[in-house]
Amino acid sequence: MTRKPGPTWEQRARLEAAAAWFNRVGFPDDPPSPEDLEAFELWKADSPENVRMFNIVKDEMRPYDNPLFRFLLKERVAAHEAESDAKD
């Protein structure tokens, strides 16, 4: 029996970054700042893989496109980022 290889650490890091960018720029009810948009465009320009991962996240999130879910997601991600910052 052969095991299918999982994602590499680089793929996981890109996917996590894509999810963070989706959280910052993907919500029409909470538009990003011009600085965020500029940084997002630079991140996408850095690698075609960044764009591909962002599109994966965007496609996966489409079924959850409702205001309550977006609010809860943003709050949860913000709490997770605060926990990560506190550990650093």
C-alpha atoms as a PDB file:
ATOM      1  CA  MET A   1       0.000   0.000   0.000  1.00  0.00           C
ATOM      2  CA  THR A   2       1.467   3.326  -1.056  1.00  0.00           C
ATOM      3  CA  ARG A   3       0.769   6.491   0.826  1.00  0.00           C
ATOM      4  CA  LYS A   4      -0.055   9.610  -1.109  1.00  0.00           C
ATOM      5  CA  PRO A   5       2.337  12.408  -0.124  1.00  0.00           C
ATOM      6  CA  GLY A   6       0.819  15.336   1.715  1.00  0.00           C
ATOM      7  CA  PRO A   7       1.473  18.991   1.054  1.00  0.00           C
ATOM      8  CA  THR A   8       4.963  20.315   1.579  1.00  0.00           C
ATOM      9  CA  TRP A   9       5.713  22.865   4.272  1.00  0.00           C
ATOM     10  CA  GLU A  10       5.975  25.493   1.528  1.00  0.00           C
ATOM     11  CA  GLN A  11       2.522  24.643   0.188  1.00  0.00           C
ATOM     12  CA  ARG A  12       1.058  24.772   3.700  1.00  0.00           C
ATOM     13  CA  ALA A  13       2.727  28.142   4.339  1.00  0.00           C
ATOM     14  CA  ARG A  14       1.383  29.551   1.062  1.00  0.00           C
ATOM     15  CA  LEU A  15      -2.096  28.265   1.853  1.00  0.00           C
ATOM     16  CA  GLU A  16      -2.002  29.813   5.330  1.00  0.00           C
ATOM     17  CA  ALA A  17      -0.827  33.109   3.838  1.00  0.00           C
ATOM     18  CA  ALA A  18      -3.597  32.938   1.234  1.00  0.00           C
ATOM     19  CA  ALA A  19      -6.186  32.395   3.970  1.00  0.00           C
ATOM     20  CA  ALA A  20      -4.809  35.374   5.903  1.00  0.00           C
ATOM     21  CA  TRP A  21      -4.945  37.525   2.767  1.00  0.00           C
ATOM     22  CA  PHE A  22      -8.513  36.367   2.107  1.00  0.00           C
ATOM     23  CA  ASN A  23      -9.388  37.464   5.617  1.00  0.00           C
ATOM     24  CA  ARG A  24      -7.860  40.905   4.986  1.00  0.00           C
ATOM     25  CA  VAL A  25      -9.118  41.626   1.461  1.00  0.00           C
ATOM     26  CA  GLY A  26     -11.934  39.184   0.710  1.00  0.00           C
ATOM     27  CA  PHE A  27     -14.811  40.817   2.548  1.00  0.00           C
ATOM     28  CA  PRO A  28     -16.797  43.483   0.676  1.00  0.00           C
ATOM     29  CA  ASP A  29     -18.471  44.707   3.881  1.00  0.00           C
ATOM     30  CA  ASP A  30     -15.053  45.498   5.390  1.00  0.00           C
ATOM     31  CA  PRO A  31     -12.940  46.890   2.539  1.00  0.00           C
ATOM     32  CA  PRO A  32      -9.148  46.764   2.861  1.00  0.00           C
ATOM     33  CA  SER A  33      -7.019  49.876   3.130  1.00  0.00           C
ATOM     34  CA  PRO A  34      -5.021  51.064   0.113  1.00  0.00           C
ATOM     35  CA  GLU A  35      -1.883  49.872   1.895  1.00  0.00           C
ATOM     36  CA  ASP A  36      -3.360  46.394   2.349  1.00  0.00           C
ATOM     37  CA  LEU A  37      -4.342  46.256  -1.317  1.00  0.00           C
ATOM     38  CA  GLU A  38      -0.847  47.310  -2.383  1.00  0.00           C
ATOM     39  CA  ALA A  39       0.752  44.667  -0.135  1.00  0.00           C
ATOM     40  CA  PHE A  40      -1.705  42.055  -1.439  1.00  0.00           C
ATOM     41  CA  GLU A  41      -0.816  42.851  -5.049  1.00  0.00           C
ATOM     42  CA  LEU A  42       2.896  42.573  -4.217  1.00  0.00           C
ATOM     43  CA  TRP A  43       2.305  39.207  -2.544  1.00  0.00           C
ATOM     44  CA  LYS A  44       0.417  37.927  -5.596  1.00  0.00           C
ATOM     45  CA  ALA A  45       3.140  39.220  -7.946  1.00  0.00           C
ATOM     46  CA  ASP A  46       5.783  37.358  -5.933  1.00  0.00           C
ATOM     47  CA  SER A  47       4.686  33.943  -7.225  1.00  0.00           C
ATOM     48  CA  PRO A  48       2.024  32.376  -9.431  1.00  0.00           C
ATOM     49  CA  GLU A  49       1.597  29.839  -6.628  1.00  0.00           C
ATOM     50  CA  ASN A  50       0.405  32.640  -4.332  1.00  0.00           C
ATOM     51  CA  VAL A  51      -2.345  33.495  -6.822  1.00  0.00           C
ATOM     52  CA  ARG A  52      -3.267  29.825  -7.201  1.00  0.00           C
ATOM     53  CA  MET A  53      -3.514  29.313  -3.441  1.00  0.00           C
ATOM     54  CA  PHE A  54      -5.574  32.487  -3.006  1.00  0.00           C
ATOM     55  CA  ASN A  55      -8.001  31.266  -5.673  1.00  0.00           C
ATOM     56  CA  ILE A  56      -8.283  27.919  -3.892  1.00  0.00           C
ATOM     57  CA  VAL A  57      -9.161  29.673  -0.630  1.00  0.00           C
ATOM     58  CA  LYS A  58     -11.631  31.965  -2.384  1.00  0.00           C
ATOM     59  CA  ASP A  59     -13.333  29.018  -4.103  1.00  0.00           C
ATOM     60  CA  GLU A  60     -13.497  27.032  -0.869  1.00  0.00           C
ATOM     61  CA  MET A  61     -15.046  29.974   0.986  1.00  0.00           C
ATOM     62  CA  ARG A  62     -17.750  30.669  -1.602  1.00  0.00           C
ATOM     63  CA  PRO A  63     -20.371  28.399   0.040  1.00  0.00           C
ATOM     64  CA  TYR A  64     -19.937  30.326   3.293  1.00  0.00           C
ATOM     65  CA  ASP A  65     -20.585  33.737   1.770  1.00  0.00           C
ATOM     66  CA  ASN A  66     -22.951  35.208   4.318  1.00  0.00           C
ATOM     67  CA  PRO A  67     -22.453  38.152   6.683  1.00  0.00           C
ATOM     68  CA  LEU A  68     -22.707  36.186   9.934  1.00  0.00           C
ATOM     69  CA  PHE A  69     -20.174  33.581   8.870  1.00  0.00           C
ATOM     70  CA  ARG A  70     -17.777  36.282   7.605  1.00  0.00           C
ATOM     71  CA  PHE A  71     -18.042  38.086  10.943  1.00  0.00           C
ATOM     72  CA  LEU A  72     -17.396  34.907  12.935  1.00  0.00           C
ATOM     73  CA  LEU A  73     -14.480  33.935  10.694  1.00  0.00           C
ATOM     74  CA  LYS A  74     -12.843  37.353  11.022  1.00  0.00           C
ATOM     75  CA  GLU A  75     -13.208  37.248  14.812  1.00  0.00           C
ATOM     76  CA  ARG A  76     -11.745  33.744  15.035  1.00  0.00           C
ATOM     77  CA  VAL A  77      -8.805  34.548  12.774  1.00  0.00           C
ATOM     78  CA  ALA A  78      -8.117  37.766  14.700  1.00  0.00           C
ATOM     79  CA  ALA A  79      -8.107  35.796  17.969  1.00  0.00           C
ATOM     80  CA  HIS A  80      -5.734  33.220  16.468  1.00  0.00           C
ATOM     81  CA  GLU A  81      -3.391  35.950  15.199  1.00  0.00           C
ATOM     82  CA  ALA A  82      -3.420  37.601  18.636  1.00  0.00           C
ATOM     83  CA  GLU A  83      -2.485  34.266  20.231  1.00  0.00           C
ATOM     84  CA  SER A  84       0.350  33.802  17.741  1.00  0.00           C
ATOM     85  CA  ASP A  85       1.631  37.330  18.348  1.00  0.00           C
ATOM     86  CA  ALA A  86       1.574  36.767  22.106  1.00  0.00           C
ATOM     87  CA  LYS A  87       3.746  33.661  21.732  1.00  0.00           C
ATOM     88  CA  ASP A  88       6.405  35.530  19.707  1.00  0.00           C
END
